[in-house]
Amino acid sequence: MRLNLPLLLAALPVIAACQRPVPSVPGNGHNAIQEGAIPPPSLARLVDSLAIEKDSIHLVVLKNRRMFNVVAIGDTLKRFPCVLGEVPEGDKNMQGDRRTPEGTFGFRDKYPHRKWHKFAWIDYPNEESWRRFRARKRRGEIPAGATIGGEIGIHGVPDGMDHWIVQGSDWTWGCIALRNDDLDAVWPFIRPGHTVLVILP
């Protein structure tokens, strides 16, 4: 599927508008729209108005910018702030290193979560993860008895704790965390077995 160029050009101001940072209200950790401003369109509305097929949507995390992008046909539709594992730099080497893995992944499952609002389970370790892990062991970069780890995903925060994301401090054990409303916006477009997630350094 290719986007209609005149339609895309007409929609560029709308897409650009949703990339502007929204001012935060001091002290509450939530984003707010300035009085009189037109709120940016939701992700679902953008996808619908641009007639984007769900199969063309993928997710790209830029670790160095703490940015979670929703992308379709080469265009970024929405950007959301995110945080990472406590050790944010570098690929995940082994269980317990609290790094967020890098590479291209799919999704195994997604479900509501008692503590973290929702959880989208990525397929780490995948074949590429295992290849890197074994190579690091051979080179002696990780202990011979190390295990590769798992249970990595995208999740939210406990109710009322969105400021954990707004503050930008990395605190997870390797997962990618979003504000709950942002995760809710992305949720319908995470399709286990179909959606691709790219995590870049």
Protein backbone atom coordinates (compact mmCIF):
# COMPACT_ATOMS: atom_id res chain seq x y z
CA MET A 1 0.00 0.00 0.00
CA ARG A 2 1.29 3.46 -0.92
CA LEU A 3 -0.04 6.69 0.55
CA ASN A 4 -1.72 9.08 -1.88
CA LEU A 5 0.82 11.95 -2.23
CA PRO A 6 -1.71 14.85 -2.37
CA LEU A 7 -3.49 13.38 0.65
CA LEU A 8 -0.20 13.00 2.51
CA LEU A 9 0.87 16.57 1.72
CA ALA A 10 -2.48 17.86 2.94
CA ALA A 11 -2.09 15.85 6.14
CA LEU A 12 1.50 16.94 6.89
CA PRO A 13 0.45 19.88 9.08
CA VAL A 14 -1.69 17.46 11.10
CA ILE A 15 1.15 14.96 11.45
CA ALA A 16 3.64 17.70 12.30
CA ALA A 17 1.29 19.15 14.90
CA CYS A 18 1.27 15.92 16.85
CA GLN A 19 5.06 15.96 17.10
CA ARG A 20 5.23 19.17 19.13
CA PRO A 21 5.94 18.68 22.83
CA VAL A 22 2.86 19.37 24.93
CA PRO A 23 3.53 21.57 27.96
CA SER A 24 3.31 19.78 31.28
CA VAL A 25 1.42 21.02 34.29
CA PRO A 26 3.93 21.59 37.11
CA GLY A 27 3.81 19.03 39.83
CA ASN A 28 1.41 16.47 38.41
CA GLY A 29 3.58 14.71 35.82
CA HIS A 30 0.75 14.72 33.22
CA ASN A 31 0.69 16.49 29.88
CA ALA A 32 -1.90 19.17 29.32
CA ILE A 33 -3.08 21.13 26.29
CA GLN A 34 -2.66 24.90 26.44
CA GLU A 35 -5.95 26.72 26.84
CA GLY A 36 -7.50 27.42 23.45
CA ALA A 37 -5.14 25.08 21.58
CA ILE A 38 -6.53 22.38 19.32
CA PRO A 39 -5.50 18.96 20.64
CA PRO A 40 -3.51 16.86 18.18
CA PRO A 41 -5.38 13.99 16.54
CA SER A 42 -5.17 10.62 18.20
CA LEU A 43 -3.09 7.84 16.66
CA ALA A 44 -6.27 5.93 15.78
CA ARG A 45 -7.71 8.97 14.01
CA LEU A 46 -4.49 9.52 12.04
CA VAL A 47 -4.41 5.90 10.92
CA ASP A 48 -8.07 6.07 9.91
CA SER A 49 -7.89 9.45 8.15
CA LEU A 50 -4.81 8.44 6.14
CA ALA A 51 -6.30 5.01 5.31
CA ILE A 52 -3.19 3.27 6.65
CA GLU A 53 -3.33 -0.52 6.72
CA LYS A 54 -2.47 -2.04 10.10
CA ASP A 55 0.01 -4.41 8.46
CA SER A 56 2.13 -1.42 7.38
CA ILE A 57 2.51 -0.10 10.94
CA HIS A 58 5.66 -0.91 12.89
CA LEU A 59 7.26 0.45 16.04
CA VAL A 60 10.71 1.98 16.38
CA VAL A 61 12.39 2.75 19.70
CA LEU A 62 15.33 5.17 19.65
CA LYS A 63 17.11 4.33 22.88
CA ASN A 64 19.46 7.33 22.84
CA ARG A 65 16.49 9.71 22.57
CA ARG A 66 14.10 7.73 24.84
CA MET A 67 11.56 7.96 22.02
CA PHE A 68 8.92 5.44 20.98
CA ASN A 69 7.84 5.98 17.35
CA VAL A 70 4.83 4.61 15.51
CA VAL A 71 5.83 4.39 11.83
CA ALA A 72 3.97 3.54 8.61
CA ILE A 73 5.34 3.58 5.04
CA GLY A 74 8.44 5.45 6.20
CA ASP A 75 6.52 8.22 7.98
CA THR A 76 6.42 8.71 11.75
CA LEU A 77 2.78 9.07 12.77
CA LYS A 78 3.30 9.59 16.50
CA ARG A 79 6.14 9.89 18.99
CA PHE A 80 5.85 9.03 22.65
CA PRO A 81 8.44 9.40 25.44
CA CYS A 82 9.66 6.15 26.97
CA VAL A 83 12.19 4.90 29.48
CA LEU A 84 14.45 1.87 29.39
CA GLY A 85 16.36 -0.55 31.56
CA GLU A 86 18.48 0.86 34.40
CA VAL A 87 21.59 0.37 32.24
CA PRO A 88 20.36 2.09 29.08
CA GLU A 89 23.46 1.94 26.88
CA GLY A 90 24.37 -1.15 24.93
CA ASP A 91 22.59 -4.29 23.84
CA LYS A 92 21.31 -6.77 26.40
CA ASN A 93 24.09 -9.29 27.07
CA MET A 94 22.56 -11.65 29.62
CA GLN A 95 19.96 -12.08 32.31
CA GLY A 96 20.25 -9.58 35.14
CA ASP A 97 22.24 -6.89 33.32
CA ARG A 98 19.14 -4.62 33.25
CA ARG A 99 19.75 -3.59 29.65
CA THR A 100 17.08 -3.20 26.98
CA PRO A 101 17.83 -5.46 24.01
CA GLU A 102 18.56 -4.04 20.57
CA GLY A 103 17.48 -5.47 17.23
CA THR A 104 14.32 -6.41 15.38
CA PHE A 105 11.61 -8.27 17.26
CA GLY A 106 8.04 -9.44 17.00
CA PHE A 107 5.43 -9.83 19.71
CA ARG A 108 4.53 -13.12 21.40
CA ASP A 109 1.47 -11.94 23.32
CA LYS A 110 -0.18 -8.97 25.01
CA TYR A 111 -2.40 -8.82 28.07
CA PRO A 112 -3.58 -6.59 30.95
CA HIS A 113 -1.14 -6.47 33.85
CA ARG A 114 -2.03 -6.07 37.51
CA LYS A 115 0.96 -3.85 38.30
CA TRP A 116 2.08 -2.39 34.97
CA HIS A 117 -1.32 -1.57 33.38
CA LYS A 118 -0.68 -3.66 30.24
CA PHE A 119 2.16 -5.82 28.98
CA ALA A 120 3.15 -6.53 25.36
CA TRP A 121 5.64 -9.42 25.42
CA ILE A 122 8.34 -9.21 22.73
CA ASP A 123 10.08 -12.27 21.32
CA TYR A 124 13.38 -11.70 23.07
CA PRO A 125 15.43 -13.84 22.89
CA ASN A 126 14.95 -14.47 19.19
CA GLU A 127 17.36 -16.18 16.81
CA GLU A 128 19.56 -13.09 16.45
CA SER A 129 19.64 -12.59 20.24
CA TRP A 130 20.84 -16.17 20.70
CA ARG A 131 23.52 -15.75 18.02
CA ARG A 132 24.92 -12.64 19.75
CA PHE A 133 24.72 -14.28 23.18
CA ARG A 134 26.68 -17.36 22.08
CA ALA A 135 29.28 -15.22 20.30
CA ARG A 136 29.83 -13.15 23.45
CA LYS A 137 30.30 -16.30 25.49
CA ARG A 138 32.86 -17.62 23.02
CA ARG A 139 34.78 -14.34 23.23
CA GLY A 140 34.66 -14.40 27.03
CA GLU A 141 32.67 -11.15 27.24
CA ILE A 142 30.11 -12.72 29.59
CA PRO A 143 30.52 -15.52 32.16
CA ALA A 144 30.34 -19.10 30.92
CA GLY A 145 27.42 -19.78 33.28
CA ALA A 146 25.37 -16.73 32.21
CA THR A 147 21.83 -17.19 30.91
CA ILE A 148 20.25 -15.07 28.21
CA GLY A 149 17.18 -13.88 30.11
CA GLY A 150 13.72 -13.09 28.81
CA GLU A 151 10.32 -11.68 29.81
CA ILE A 152 11.11 -8.40 28.04
CA GLY A 153 8.22 -6.27 26.87
CA ILE A 154 6.51 -2.92 26.62
CA HIS A 155 4.46 -1.92 29.65
CA GLY A 156 2.89 1.00 31.46
CA VAL A 157 3.18 2.24 35.02
CA PRO A 158 1.07 1.92 38.17
CA ASP A 159 -1.97 4.21 38.14
CA GLY A 160 -1.03 7.83 38.80
CA MET A 161 2.68 7.28 38.17
CA ASP A 162 3.06 8.64 34.63
CA HIS A 163 5.65 11.06 36.00
CA TRP A 164 8.04 8.09 36.11
CA ILE A 165 8.12 8.43 32.32
CA VAL A 166 7.94 12.23 32.12
CA GLN A 167 11.03 12.56 34.35
CA GLY A 168 13.01 10.47 31.85
CA SER A 169 14.94 8.35 34.37
CA ASP A 170 15.55 4.76 33.30
CA TRP A 171 14.33 2.30 35.92
CA THR A 172 13.08 -0.94 34.37
CA TRP A 173 14.89 -4.29 34.38
CA GLY A 174 15.15 -4.19 30.58
CA CYS A 175 11.62 -3.45 29.43
CA ILE A 176 10.38 -0.35 27.61
CA ALA A 177 7.92 1.67 29.69
CA LEU A 178 5.35 4.19 28.43
CA ARG A 179 2.76 6.41 30.06
CA ASN A 180 -0.49 4.49 30.37
CA ASP A 181 -2.47 6.69 27.96
CA ASP A 182 0.31 6.39 25.38
CA LEU A 183 0.36 2.62 25.76
CA ASP A 184 -3.42 2.58 25.35
CA ALA A 185 -3.07 4.53 22.09
CA VAL A 186 -0.50 2.07 20.69
CA TRP A 187 -2.21 -1.06 22.05
CA PRO A 188 -4.64 -1.71 19.14
CA PHE A 189 -1.70 -1.61 16.71
CA ILE A 190 0.38 -4.21 18.55
CA ARG A 191 -0.58 -7.45 16.84
CA PRO A 192 1.22 -10.53 18.18
CA GLY A 193 2.67 -12.53 15.32
CA HIS A 194 2.46 -9.56 12.92
CA THR A 195 3.75 -6.25 14.32
CA VAL A 196 7.49 -5.55 14.08
CA LEU A 197 9.40 -3.69 16.79
CA VAL A 198 12.83 -2.23 15.99
CA ILE A 199 14.97 -1.16 18.96
CA LEU A 200 17.90 1.02 17.94
CA PRO A 201 20.86 2.17 20.08
